[in-house]
Each structure stands twice: as structure tokens, then as C-alpha cells.
Protein backbone atom coordinates (compact mmCIF):
# COMPACT_ATOMS: atom_id res chain seq x y z
CA MET A 1 -0.11 0.07 -0.30
CA VAL A 2 1.23 3.33 -1.05
CA GLU A 3 0.47 5.71 2.12
CA ARG A 4 -0.67 9.02 1.70
CA ASP A 5 1.43 12.27 3.01
CA THR A 6 -1.85 13.71 4.19
CA ALA A 7 -5.87 13.06 5.18
CA SER A 8 -7.40 14.97 1.97
CA ASP A 9 -10.54 15.84 1.08
CA LYS A 10 -10.64 16.72 -2.70
CA ARG A 11 -13.72 16.52 -4.37
CA ILE A 12 -13.82 17.09 -8.11
CA VAL A 13 -16.81 17.54 -10.59
CA THR A 14 -17.53 16.81 -14.40
CA ARG A 15 -20.63 16.87 -16.56
CA HIS A 16 -21.34 14.06 -19.13
CA GLU A 17 -24.35 12.67 -20.64
CA THR A 18 -25.30 8.88 -22.10
CA ARG A 19 -28.40 7.09 -23.35
CA ILE A 20 -29.94 3.85 -21.11
CA ALA A 21 -33.23 2.17 -22.68
CA GLY A 22 -33.21 5.00 -25.69
CA ARG A 23 -33.34 7.77 -22.65
CA LYS A 24 -30.27 10.90 -23.08
CA ILE A 25 -29.42 11.20 -19.27
CA ALA A 26 -27.09 14.45 -18.22
CA TYR A 27 -24.94 13.38 -15.08
CA GLU A 28 -22.03 14.55 -13.09
CA ALA A 29 -19.73 12.27 -12.00
CA ILE A 30 -18.29 13.11 -8.32
CA VAL A 31 -14.73 11.83 -7.18
CA THR A 32 -14.65 12.53 -3.81
CA GLU A 33 -11.57 11.84 -0.68
CA THR A 34 -13.09 11.15 2.72
CA PRO A 35 -10.71 10.96 5.42
CA VAL A 36 -12.06 7.87 7.87
CA THR A 37 -10.52 7.48 11.50
CA ASN A 38 -9.27 4.64 13.27
CA GLU A 39 -10.41 3.80 16.73
CA ALA A 40 -8.85 6.25 18.15
CA GLY A 41 -10.53 9.68 16.15
CA GLU A 42 -7.63 9.91 14.27
CA LYS A 43 -7.78 10.33 10.40
CA ALA A 44 -6.52 7.14 9.51
CA ALA A 45 -7.20 6.72 5.80
CA VAL A 46 -8.61 8.45 2.80
CA VAL A 47 -11.54 7.12 1.13
CA VAL A 48 -12.35 7.57 -2.72
CA THR A 49 -15.45 7.37 -3.97
CA TYR A 50 -16.90 7.70 -7.38
CA ALA A 51 -20.25 9.15 -7.70
CA TYR A 52 -22.59 9.31 -10.69
CA VAL A 53 -25.44 11.68 -10.21
CA ALA A 54 -28.01 12.19 -12.95
CA LYS A 55 -29.31 15.58 -13.32
CA ASN A 56 -32.78 17.00 -13.79
CA ALA A 57 -33.82 13.42 -13.26
CA PRO A 58 -37.49 12.23 -11.85
CA GLY A 59 -37.49 12.27 -7.88
CA GLY A 60 -34.57 15.04 -7.84
CA ALA A 61 -33.18 14.88 -4.11
CA ARG A 62 -35.12 11.97 -3.42
CA ARG A 63 -34.10 9.74 -5.98
CA PRO A 64 -32.62 6.25 -4.31
CA VAL A 65 -29.10 6.54 -4.20
CA LEU A 66 -27.14 3.00 -4.42
CA PHE A 67 -23.53 2.74 -2.48
CA VAL A 68 -21.78 -0.16 -4.39
CA PHE A 69 -18.50 -2.17 -3.02
CA ASN A 70 -16.92 -5.45 -4.24
CA GLY A 71 -15.50 -7.86 -1.96
CA GLY A 72 -11.96 -9.57 -1.28
CA PRO A 73 -11.87 -8.17 1.21
CA GLY A 74 -8.84 -6.58 -0.71
CA ALA A 75 -11.06 -5.73 -4.07
CA SER A 76 -11.39 -2.33 -5.35
CA SER A 77 -15.23 -1.76 -6.32
CA SER A 78 -13.99 -1.34 -10.34
CA PRO A 79 -15.52 -5.03 -11.07
CA LEU A 80 -18.95 -3.58 -10.15
CA HIS A 81 -17.91 0.09 -11.31
CA MET A 82 -16.28 -0.24 -14.71
CA SER A 83 -18.00 -3.52 -15.75
CA ALA A 84 -21.34 -3.88 -14.09
CA PHE A 85 -23.24 -0.40 -13.66
CA GLY A 86 -21.31 2.54 -14.31
CA PRO A 87 -22.45 4.76 -16.90
CA VAL A 88 -19.04 3.63 -18.79
CA ARG A 89 -17.82 0.22 -18.90
CA ILE A 90 -14.68 -1.58 -20.38
CA VAL A 91 -15.15 -3.90 -22.88
CA GLU A 92 -13.52 -6.90 -23.63
CA GLN A 93 -13.81 -8.89 -26.81
CA GLU A 94 -12.08 -11.55 -27.92
CA GLY A 95 -9.08 -10.69 -30.35
CA ARG A 96 -9.55 -7.33 -30.05
CA LYS A 97 -8.06 -4.97 -27.22
CA ALA A 98 -10.32 -3.83 -24.23
CA SER A 99 -12.18 -0.36 -24.80
CA LEU A 100 -14.57 2.25 -22.80
CA ALA A 101 -17.46 1.87 -24.09
CA LYS A 102 -21.07 3.45 -23.13
CA ASN A 103 -22.65 1.16 -20.74
CA PRO A 104 -26.40 0.38 -21.58
CA HIS A 105 -26.82 -1.61 -18.56
CA SER A 106 -26.05 0.92 -16.21
CA LEU A 107 -28.51 1.51 -13.30
CA LEU A 108 -28.16 5.29 -13.40
CA ASP A 109 -31.40 5.68 -15.30
CA VAL A 110 -33.04 4.49 -11.76
CA ALA A 111 -30.51 5.40 -9.13
CA ASP A 112 -28.12 7.56 -8.18
CA LEU A 113 -24.71 5.22 -8.25
CA VAL A 114 -21.49 5.74 -5.63
CA PHE A 115 -18.85 3.29 -6.02
CA ILE A 116 -16.28 2.86 -2.96
CA ASP A 117 -12.95 1.30 -2.49
CA PRO A 118 -12.52 0.27 0.94
CA PRO A 119 -9.70 0.97 2.80
CA GLY A 120 -5.82 -0.71 0.89
CA THR A 121 -8.10 -1.05 -2.60
CA GLY A 122 -7.76 1.83 -5.43
CA THR A 123 -6.15 4.78 -4.29
CA SER A 124 -8.09 4.51 -0.72
CA MET A 125 -5.00 4.47 1.74
CA PRO A 126 -3.84 5.10 5.11
CA VAL A 127 -2.35 8.10 5.99
CA LYS A 128 1.53 8.21 7.29
CA GLY A 129 2.02 7.88 10.65
CA VAL A 130 -0.96 6.94 11.84
CA ASP A 131 -2.19 3.68 12.57
CA ALA A 132 -4.88 2.07 10.42
CA THR A 133 -4.55 -1.52 11.26
CA GLY A 134 -7.77 -1.63 12.91
CA LEU A 135 -9.50 -0.42 8.99
CA PHE A 136 -8.54 -4.09 8.58
CA SER A 137 -10.99 -6.08 10.05
CA VAL A 138 -14.30 -6.86 9.83
CA GLU A 139 -15.72 -4.03 12.61
CA GLY A 140 -13.26 -1.26 11.26
CA ASP A 141 -13.65 -1.52 7.71
CA ALA A 142 -17.62 -1.85 8.20
CA ARG A 143 -17.23 1.31 10.33
CA ALA A 144 -14.85 2.85 8.28
CA VAL A 145 -17.28 2.43 5.10
CA ALA A 146 -20.81 2.94 6.96
CA GLN A 147 -19.09 6.39 8.05
CA VAL A 148 -18.38 7.65 4.13
CA VAL A 149 -22.11 6.55 2.91
CA GLN A 150 -23.44 9.12 5.61
CA THR A 151 -20.71 11.62 5.04
CA TRP A 152 -21.56 11.27 1.19
CA ARG A 153 -25.37 11.52 1.73
CA GLU A 154 -24.67 14.60 3.78
CA ALA A 155 -22.36 16.42 2.18
CA ASN A 156 -24.34 16.10 -1.41
CA GLY A 157 -27.91 17.07 0.45
CA ARG A 158 -29.41 13.41 -0.20
CA THR A 159 -30.17 12.65 3.52
CA ASP A 160 -33.68 12.32 2.45
CA ALA A 161 -33.14 10.16 -0.15
CA PRO A 162 -34.05 6.06 0.15
CA PHE A 163 -30.26 4.28 0.24
CA ALA A 164 -29.13 1.15 -0.32
CA LEU A 165 -26.20 -1.05 0.08
CA VAL A 166 -25.36 -3.57 -2.90
CA GLY A 167 -22.08 -5.99 -2.34
CA GLU A 168 -20.36 -8.59 -3.87
CA SER A 169 -18.59 -11.30 -2.61
CA TYR A 170 -17.13 -10.16 0.81
CA GLY A 171 -19.01 -7.35 -0.13
CA THR A 172 -21.94 -8.64 1.14
CA ALA A 173 -20.66 -9.66 4.43
CA ARG A 174 -19.45 -6.14 4.11
CA ALA A 175 -23.18 -4.79 3.77
CA LEU A 176 -24.51 -6.87 6.62
CA ALA A 177 -21.54 -6.00 8.84
CA MET A 178 -22.31 -2.27 8.22
CA LEU A 179 -25.77 -2.50 9.57
CA GLY A 180 -24.24 -3.30 12.61
CA ALA A 181 -22.15 -0.57 12.62
CA GLU A 182 -24.59 1.84 11.94
CA ARG A 183 -26.59 0.59 14.59
CA LYS A 184 -23.63 0.77 16.97
CA HIS A 185 -22.96 4.10 15.66
CA ASP A 186 -26.56 5.73 15.90
CA LEU A 187 -26.61 6.18 11.44
CA PRO A 188 -29.67 5.64 9.24
CA LEU A 189 -30.33 2.39 8.37
CA PRO A 190 -30.64 1.80 4.16
CA ASP A 191 -33.73 1.22 3.01
CA GLY A 192 -32.25 -1.80 0.95
CA VAL A 193 -29.67 -4.45 0.81
CA ALA A 194 -28.35 -6.51 -2.33
CA LEU A 195 -25.91 -9.44 -1.92
CA LEU A 196 -24.69 -10.39 -5.11
CA SER A 197 -22.60 -14.20 -4.41
CA LEU A 198 -23.40 -14.35 -0.88
CA ALA A 199 -20.80 -14.52 1.83
CA ILE A 200 -22.09 -13.69 4.74
CA GLY A 201 -21.02 -17.37 6.67
CA ASP A 202 -23.41 -19.79 8.56
CA ASN A 203 -23.03 -22.62 6.31
CA THR A 204 -20.12 -24.26 7.22
CA GLY A 205 -19.55 -27.90 9.05
CA PRO A 206 -20.71 -31.20 8.45
CA VAL A 207 -23.09 -32.31 6.68
CA ILE A 208 -24.45 -28.42 5.44
CA SER A 209 -21.42 -27.59 3.60
CA GLU A 210 -21.60 -30.53 1.37
CA VAL A 211 -25.62 -30.20 1.02
CA THR A 212 -24.90 -26.80 -0.44
CA LEU A 213 -22.20 -27.39 -2.36
CA LEU A 214 -23.66 -30.13 -4.45
CA PRO A 215 -26.26 -28.36 -6.79
CA THR A 216 -23.42 -26.16 -8.00
CA LEU A 217 -21.52 -28.72 -8.90
CA ALA A 218 -24.06 -30.47 -10.63
CA ALA A 219 -24.57 -27.40 -12.64
CA VAL A 220 -21.08 -27.18 -13.07
CA ALA A 221 -21.04 -31.14 -14.47
CA TRP A 222 -24.24 -30.41 -16.22
CA TYR A 223 -22.51 -27.30 -18.37
CA HIS A 224 -19.22 -29.24 -19.42
CA GLY A 225 -21.67 -32.15 -20.33
CA ALA A 226 -20.42 -34.34 -18.02
CA ILE A 227 -23.86 -35.76 -17.23
CA ASP A 228 -27.07 -36.76 -19.01
CA ARG A 229 -28.71 -33.92 -19.19
CA GLN A 230 -31.78 -35.69 -19.52
CA GLY A 231 -33.17 -32.60 -21.51
CA LEU A 232 -32.74 -30.20 -18.17
CA SER A 233 -32.10 -26.34 -18.47
CA VAL A 234 -29.63 -25.82 -15.58
CA ALA A 235 -32.14 -24.44 -13.60
CA ASP A 236 -34.00 -27.58 -13.60
CA TYR A 237 -31.06 -29.67 -12.92
CA PHE A 238 -29.64 -26.92 -10.10
CA GLU A 239 -32.98 -27.87 -8.55
CA LYS A 240 -33.08 -31.53 -9.34
CA ALA A 241 -29.63 -31.81 -7.69
CA ARG A 242 -31.00 -29.41 -4.60
CA THR A 243 -33.92 -31.59 -3.76
CA PHE A 244 -31.10 -35.17 -3.75
CA ALA A 245 -28.94 -32.73 -1.93
CA GLU A 246 -31.18 -32.02 0.55
CA GLY A 247 -33.05 -35.23 1.20
CA ASP A 248 -31.70 -38.50 0.50
CA TYR A 249 -27.97 -37.07 0.58
CA ALA A 250 -28.25 -35.26 3.84
CA LYS A 251 -30.06 -38.26 5.27
CA ALA A 252 -26.98 -40.40 3.90
CA LEU A 253 -24.35 -38.16 5.64
CA ILE A 254 -25.71 -37.59 8.99
CA ALA A 255 -25.86 -41.40 9.42
CA GLY A 256 -22.57 -41.68 8.73
CA ALA A 257 -20.97 -44.78 9.37
CA ALA A 258 -24.35 -46.16 10.51
CA LEU A 259 -25.73 -46.02 7.11
CA PRO A 260 -25.38 -49.54 5.21
CA ALA A 261 -22.99 -50.63 2.74
CA SER A 262 -25.93 -50.82 0.19
CA GLU A 263 -27.41 -47.56 1.13
CA ARG A 264 -23.76 -45.98 0.74
CA ALA A 265 -23.34 -47.80 -2.36
CA ARG A 266 -26.92 -46.13 -3.79
CA ILE A 267 -26.11 -42.80 -2.87
CA ALA A 268 -22.70 -42.67 -4.20
CA GLN A 269 -24.03 -44.13 -7.42
CA ARG A 270 -26.49 -41.03 -7.36
CA MET A 271 -23.70 -38.59 -6.44
CA SER A 272 -21.68 -40.19 -9.94
CA ASP A 273 -25.02 -39.38 -11.69
CA LEU A 274 -25.40 -36.13 -11.14
CA LEU A 275 -21.46 -34.85 -10.89
CA GLY A 276 -19.82 -36.99 -13.40
CA LEU A 277 -17.06 -38.38 -11.36
CA PRO A 278 -16.81 -42.41 -10.62
CA SER A 279 -18.79 -43.46 -7.48
CA GLU A 280 -15.81 -45.50 -6.03
CA SER A 281 -14.59 -42.01 -5.37
CA PHE A 282 -17.21 -40.83 -3.12
CA GLU A 283 -17.38 -44.21 -1.06
CA LYS A 284 -13.95 -44.07 -0.63
CA THR A 285 -14.89 -40.51 1.04
CA GLY A 286 -17.36 -41.52 3.01
CA LEU A 287 -20.00 -39.40 0.59
CA GLN A 288 -18.04 -36.32 1.29
CA LEU A 289 -17.43 -33.77 -1.45
CA ASP A 290 -13.87 -32.02 -2.05
CA ARG A 291 -14.20 -29.05 -4.37
CA GLN A 292 -10.22 -29.54 -5.85
CA ALA A 293 -10.70 -33.13 -6.38
CA PHE A 294 -13.97 -32.33 -8.39
CA MET A 295 -12.06 -29.52 -10.76
CA LEU A 296 -9.20 -31.47 -11.20
CA GLY A 297 -11.19 -34.81 -11.73
CA LEU A 298 -14.20 -33.70 -13.64
CA LEU A 299 -12.69 -32.80 -17.05
CA ALA A 300 -9.43 -34.88 -16.27
CA ASP A 301 -9.63 -37.46 -19.68
CA LYS A 302 -9.04 -33.88 -21.05
CA GLY A 303 -6.40 -32.77 -18.90
CA LEU A 304 -8.31 -30.14 -18.43
CA ARG A 305 -9.07 -28.53 -14.45
CA THR A 306 -12.13 -26.23 -14.27
CA GLY A 307 -12.24 -22.58 -12.22
CA GLN A 308 -13.59 -22.37 -8.67
CA LEU A 309 -15.00 -18.60 -8.93
CA ASP A 310 -16.52 -19.75 -12.50
CA GLY A 311 -16.72 -23.38 -12.75
CA ARG A 312 -17.28 -23.07 -16.81
CA ALA A 313 -13.65 -21.92 -16.84
CA THR A 314 -10.61 -24.11 -17.64
CA ARG A 315 -7.09 -24.67 -18.06
CA LEU A 316 -4.60 -27.29 -18.92
CA ILE A 317 -4.12 -29.18 -15.44
CA SER A 318 0.26 -29.45 -16.64
CA GLN A 319 -0.14 -25.71 -16.57
CA SER A 320 -2.10 -25.46 -13.16
CA ASN A 321 1.35 -24.85 -11.00
CA MET A 322 0.29 -21.98 -8.66
CA HIS A 323 -0.37 -22.02 -5.29
CA PRO A 324 -4.05 -21.32 -4.32
CA PRO A 325 -6.01 -19.13 -4.72
CA PHE A 326 -3.95 -17.87 -7.57
CA ASP A 327 -3.97 -21.10 -9.53
CA ASP A 328 -8.35 -20.93 -10.45
CA PRO A 329 -8.30 -20.34 -14.26
CA SER A 330 -11.33 -18.18 -13.82
CA MET A 331 -9.77 -15.60 -11.41
CA THR A 332 -8.24 -12.75 -13.28
CA LEU A 333 -6.05 -9.88 -11.31
CA GLY A 334 -7.21 -6.61 -13.12
CA GLY A 335 -3.84 -6.22 -14.88
CA GLU A 336 -5.10 -6.16 -18.08
CA THR A 337 -7.40 -3.63 -17.84
CA GLY A 338 -5.75 -1.49 -14.85
CA THR A 339 -4.15 1.07 -17.10
CA LEU A 340 -7.47 1.37 -19.65
CA LEU A 341 -9.32 2.10 -15.49
CA SER A 342 -6.71 4.53 -14.92
CA ASP A 343 -7.01 6.52 -17.95
CA TYR A 344 -10.60 6.98 -17.61
CA ILE A 345 -10.24 7.87 -13.99
CA THR A 346 -7.62 10.54 -14.90
CA ARG A 347 -9.04 11.66 -18.40
CA ASP A 348 -12.24 11.43 -17.93
CA LEU A 349 -12.99 11.75 -14.28
CA GLY A 350 -10.40 14.42 -14.04
CA TYR A 351 -9.16 12.56 -10.74
CA ALA A 352 -4.92 12.66 -10.84
CA LEU A 353 -4.49 9.35 -9.21
CA PRO A 354 -2.30 9.90 -6.12
CA SER A 355 -0.87 6.39 -6.41
CA THR A 356 -1.10 3.24 -8.81
CA TYR A 357 -4.89 1.80 -8.78
CA ARG A 358 -5.15 -1.32 -7.33
CA THR A 359 -8.05 -3.17 -8.59
CA LEU A 360 -7.17 -6.18 -6.27
CA ASN A 361 -5.06 -6.14 -2.78
CA LEU A 362 -4.91 -9.72 -1.86
CA GLY A 363 -2.11 -8.77 1.10
CA ILE A 364 -5.03 -7.49 2.64
CA ASN A 365 -7.07 -11.12 2.36
CA PHE A 366 -4.35 -12.58 4.38
CA LYS A 367 -4.16 -9.99 6.97
CA TRP A 368 -7.81 -9.45 7.81
CA GLY A 369 -9.24 -9.32 11.48
CA TRP A 370 -12.29 -11.82 11.80
CA GLY A 371 -12.46 -11.00 15.28
CA ARG A 372 -11.33 -12.08 18.84
CA GLY A 373 -11.00 -15.90 18.10
CA GLN A 374 -12.45 -15.63 14.81
CA VAL A 375 -11.94 -16.85 11.26
CA TYR A 376 -13.70 -16.84 8.17
CA SER A 377 -15.26 -19.99 8.31
CA THR A 378 -16.65 -19.27 11.75
CA ALA A 379 -17.24 -15.32 11.30
CA ARG A 380 -21.23 -14.57 11.66
CA PHE A 381 -23.13 -11.87 9.14
CA THR A 382 -26.85 -12.81 9.20
CA PRO A 383 -27.60 -11.69 12.83
CA TYR A 384 -26.66 -8.19 11.65
CA LEU A 385 -29.41 -8.14 9.13
CA VAL A 386 -31.88 -9.88 11.73
CA ASP A 387 -31.47 -7.07 14.07
CA ALA A 388 -31.58 -4.22 11.11
CA LEU A 389 -34.90 -6.02 9.93
CA ALA A 390 -36.60 -5.85 13.59
CA GLN A 391 -35.40 -2.10 13.66
CA LYS A 392 -36.64 -1.33 9.80
CA PRO A 393 -39.23 -3.99 8.66
CA GLY A 394 -39.59 -2.40 5.08
CA LEU A 395 -35.82 -2.55 4.18
CA LYS A 396 -35.65 -4.24 1.19
CA LEU A 397 -33.28 -7.53 0.60
CA MET A 398 -32.76 -8.84 -2.91
CA THR A 399 -29.81 -11.54 -3.42
CA VAL A 400 -28.01 -12.65 -6.52
CA GLY A 401 -26.14 -15.85 -7.46
CA GLY A 402 -24.35 -17.57 -10.22
CA TYR A 403 -25.40 -21.73 -11.01
CA TYR A 404 -21.76 -21.87 -11.67
CA ASP A 405 -19.83 -20.03 -8.88
CA ILE A 406 -18.07 -22.88 -6.68
CA THR A 407 -16.36 -20.36 -4.61
CA THR A 408 -19.79 -19.27 -2.94
CA PRO A 409 -22.23 -21.56 -4.01
CA LEU A 410 -26.09 -20.62 -4.62
CA ALA A 411 -27.59 -22.79 -2.15
CA ALA A 412 -25.11 -22.00 0.44
CA GLY A 413 -25.87 -17.99 0.84
CA GLN A 414 -30.14 -19.16 0.70
CA PHE A 415 -29.42 -21.54 3.46
CA ALA A 416 -27.94 -18.94 6.24
CA LEU A 417 -30.88 -16.86 5.30
CA ASP A 418 -33.54 -19.12 5.51
CA HIS A 419 -32.04 -20.31 8.91
CA ALA A 420 -31.65 -17.15 10.02
CA GLY A 421 -35.21 -16.82 9.89
CA LEU A 422 -35.97 -14.97 6.13
CA ALA A 423 -38.83 -16.75 4.75
CA PRO A 424 -37.96 -16.63 0.63
CA GLN A 425 -40.96 -14.57 0.01
CA ASP A 426 -39.18 -11.74 2.11
CA ARG A 427 -36.64 -11.02 0.00
CA THR A 428 -36.21 -11.01 -3.72
CA VAL A 429 -33.95 -14.17 -5.01
CA LYS A 430 -32.55 -14.17 -8.22
CA ALA A 431 -30.33 -16.94 -10.17
CA TYR A 432 -27.84 -16.51 -13.19
CA ALA A 433 -26.28 -19.11 -15.65
CA ALA A 434 -23.34 -17.29 -14.57
CA GLY A 435 -20.02 -17.87 -11.86
CA HIS A 436 -19.03 -15.67 -9.33
CA SER A 437 -19.37 -12.38 -11.26
CA VAL A 438 -22.67 -12.62 -13.30
CA PHE A 439 -22.24 -9.60 -14.80
CA GLU A 440 -19.12 -11.17 -16.64
CA ASP A 441 -21.86 -12.71 -19.14
CA GLU A 442 -23.32 -10.33 -21.40
CA ALA A 443 -26.61 -11.66 -21.50
CA GLU A 444 -26.83 -12.21 -17.71
CA LEU A 445 -25.52 -9.14 -17.32
CA ALA A 446 -28.68 -7.72 -18.80
CA LYS A 447 -30.87 -9.98 -17.02
CA LEU A 448 -29.31 -8.98 -13.46
CA SER A 449 -29.74 -5.51 -14.71
CA ALA A 450 -33.09 -5.75 -15.15
CA ASP A 451 -34.14 -7.48 -12.08
CA MET A 452 -32.13 -4.81 -10.04
CA ARG A 453 -33.68 -1.71 -11.74
CA VAL A 454 -37.39 -3.29 -10.29
CA TRP A 455 -35.78 -4.01 -6.94
CA ALA A 456 -34.17 -0.32 -6.91
CA ALA A 457 -37.61 1.40 -8.14
CA SER A 458 -38.96 -0.07 -5.04
CA LEU A 459 -36.77 1.55 -2.44
CA GLY A 460 -38.31 3.87 0.14
CA LYS A 461 -42.04 2.35 -1.11
């Protein structure tokens, strides 16, 4: 991380226009530096936000505002900013150099957008000589980003506007932790929360981790044609696998060593039919699932392994010589578009970057503070949401997931919410034929954008 000399607070405004759904939209782009404090009240870091505010739009100052961030926790907002919802996006086409283009899928026609780079990402960096350690933790990060949200609303005259938090991956955990920070520090709760590729805990441990993972592995096997699809769509095949996982498979796992050998063989064969691996491999592991064994074994006869963030991606097994998590063929480190992103921020938004823009800073992941005695697998985030809903029952919750996401399986996030007491009918639940980052598929991005427009239009109503 490149430390800043001072806790600066610049605000740069430029004017632009775009066209979404056939309608011309004039807007301001506002780049803001916001100092955030450590537990001692010292200005420990500067957080940079990139906002897009439509001018003369219906609703005026009451128009909804979406505060958007990615995960990691060492990821900048650039994927959702420049590939999904911002008014300008980076377009990558096979055989062509990446370029900038107006984004027809931007949500700017229904809401104003504020993309937040949490401390340590983008150019949101610590201040020299001040202890910023606490910001790289669940509570410190949540408090800092919640502080940025409220500061932006006050500075831009939007305290009467409905607002929502939109997070992806660890950003879903961040969004829920922010609900706790807002309550703890007497800040307003949002009108909505959208959780993309849920990583909110409460879905690990014996039986549950296997049951929630199996449908995703089945979907990946379906995609690669490693099983008999039986004429089913991926959505129907996923549900078929989920029914088995939550029924016979769960009972078999609970029985453990008490399961009769004949029943173990039957369940293993059923797993083989759904997942495309030999039944003997499941019998040997006591019907347990192993992500790595699946990713390396599904297409082994072709010398290929699958991705984890997106099970559709493949790479030659012989070329998979990196250590996790870098061995994932579906993981991109952002370097190929980093220059284009930096040029856009500097040239189009008029913000002179004080340091190289860090799209991904995995060093933060390795030093993250999960809480006293906690690790990622034991950290819990649903209680923050339960508390917030008790205080604000009208809060609009939306969840998004991809069928091919092995990292944060679709059923796992839904299980966590179900068992927190949040009924499916009390939230908007959407699933897409995509991996961890739904927006990487043009067709699925179009569906996601349309679904989020409906959700955003409901905020505050």
C-alpha cells in the first residue's frame, strides 16, 4: 500500500451524458476523497468514491442512491463500477483490445450510484504516521465504509433520499456488518440491501457444507456435458440436485458410519450420476465432497481442470502450477485492464491518481481481522441483518447468485438466510447462468440489470 502524506479531502466534479433504454441522461461524475478515522478518532486513511448523479431526473433529491462495493476483502469497486453498473464500462472482446464504451446496463436511469473503494484498495490508502491496522478487520472496515456513506449523503444533500447498500462476495458480509456499525454508531439504516454472490457465513460445517455445495457442482457438470442432462435446463438440473442433496444425501451424511453399505453404494452412484465422477471416489471419501478433487477430476480425461470462481472456465492441468487462490483459471488479477481504468479516472473524471490504482490487493485478505477468536469460516453476519430488519421491517433485501460459482455456492447463501429466519418470500431471490461475477456474461448482465432496476425502483416505497 502506498501511504498518503496527508488526510486529503478533494472533490472533483465533471459533466457527462449517456443514453440508457433510449433515454438521454445528463449526469455529474463526482470523485470524492473522504478521510476515515481509527478507533482513537485519528484520520487514518482516505477513502475514494466515484459517484454518478443524474441531473434533472425524476425524483430530484429524493431519487434513490446505491452505494456499491466489491469484496475480497481486498478488492476495489472497479468490477462493479467498470464492468457492471457504471455509466461507462470496459468492454473486452475476444481478439480485440479492451476499450471503453457507454454502458447500456448501467442503473443510472433509476438511481444515483456511488462506488466505494474501501481502505487499501484502488487509491484509498492509509495516512502516514497514523495507525490504520484496525481498518483491515470486519468491524473497522464496516465502521469506516458506513462513515463514508453517511458523509457522502450529508455532503450531497441526499439525507432524505432512499439509499441502499450493494455488495458482492465479501462485500455481502461487509454490507451486513455495516448494518451493525450503523446501529452501533446511531447512523440511519438503509432502505435496501442487495447481496451478490453471498459470503455471509452460517453455512459451513459437517453435512451443511456438503449439501449446499452439491447442487453447484452438479450445475458445473451439466455445463461441461459430463453427465446426462436428460433434457433439463441448468436451472432445473440444479433444483433436481438440490432436492437430492437436501433429502437422501443429507440423511446419508447424518448417518455416517451407521449407513448400510448397500445404501452408501446407492447414494454414491446417485452422486456419480449427478456430478460426473466415479461412484468409487465418493465411497472412498465417505460421501464427502472435495472442491479440489472435483475441479481436477471432472475433465481429467481431457487434461483439463475447471475454475472455482466460475466452474465453466478451464485450464490444462499441466499448467496449474500456482498456489491457491492463484491457481484458479477463472481468476483475473485486473492487470490487463488496470491501465484503461486509470486512464478513464484521470482523463474523463479529472482525478489525478495519487498512486497506482490497486484493483485487487490480496495482501489485505491474508491479514484481515475476523474478530476475537474468529476465522472466516466461523464469522457470522446474518445477526446484523436480523437486527436491522427488526428495527426497519420495510428494508428491501435482494440476493443474487450464479449457478457455476463454486467459491460461494448459490444454495449456501440461501441456507444462511433461511436459517436466520428470513423467509424466501420476504426477499427478492435471483439466480443466473453465470459464475461468481454474474456481470461477466453479457446476456446475464442484461437480466441482472433489469432485475436490479425493479428492486431499486421499490426503495423507499
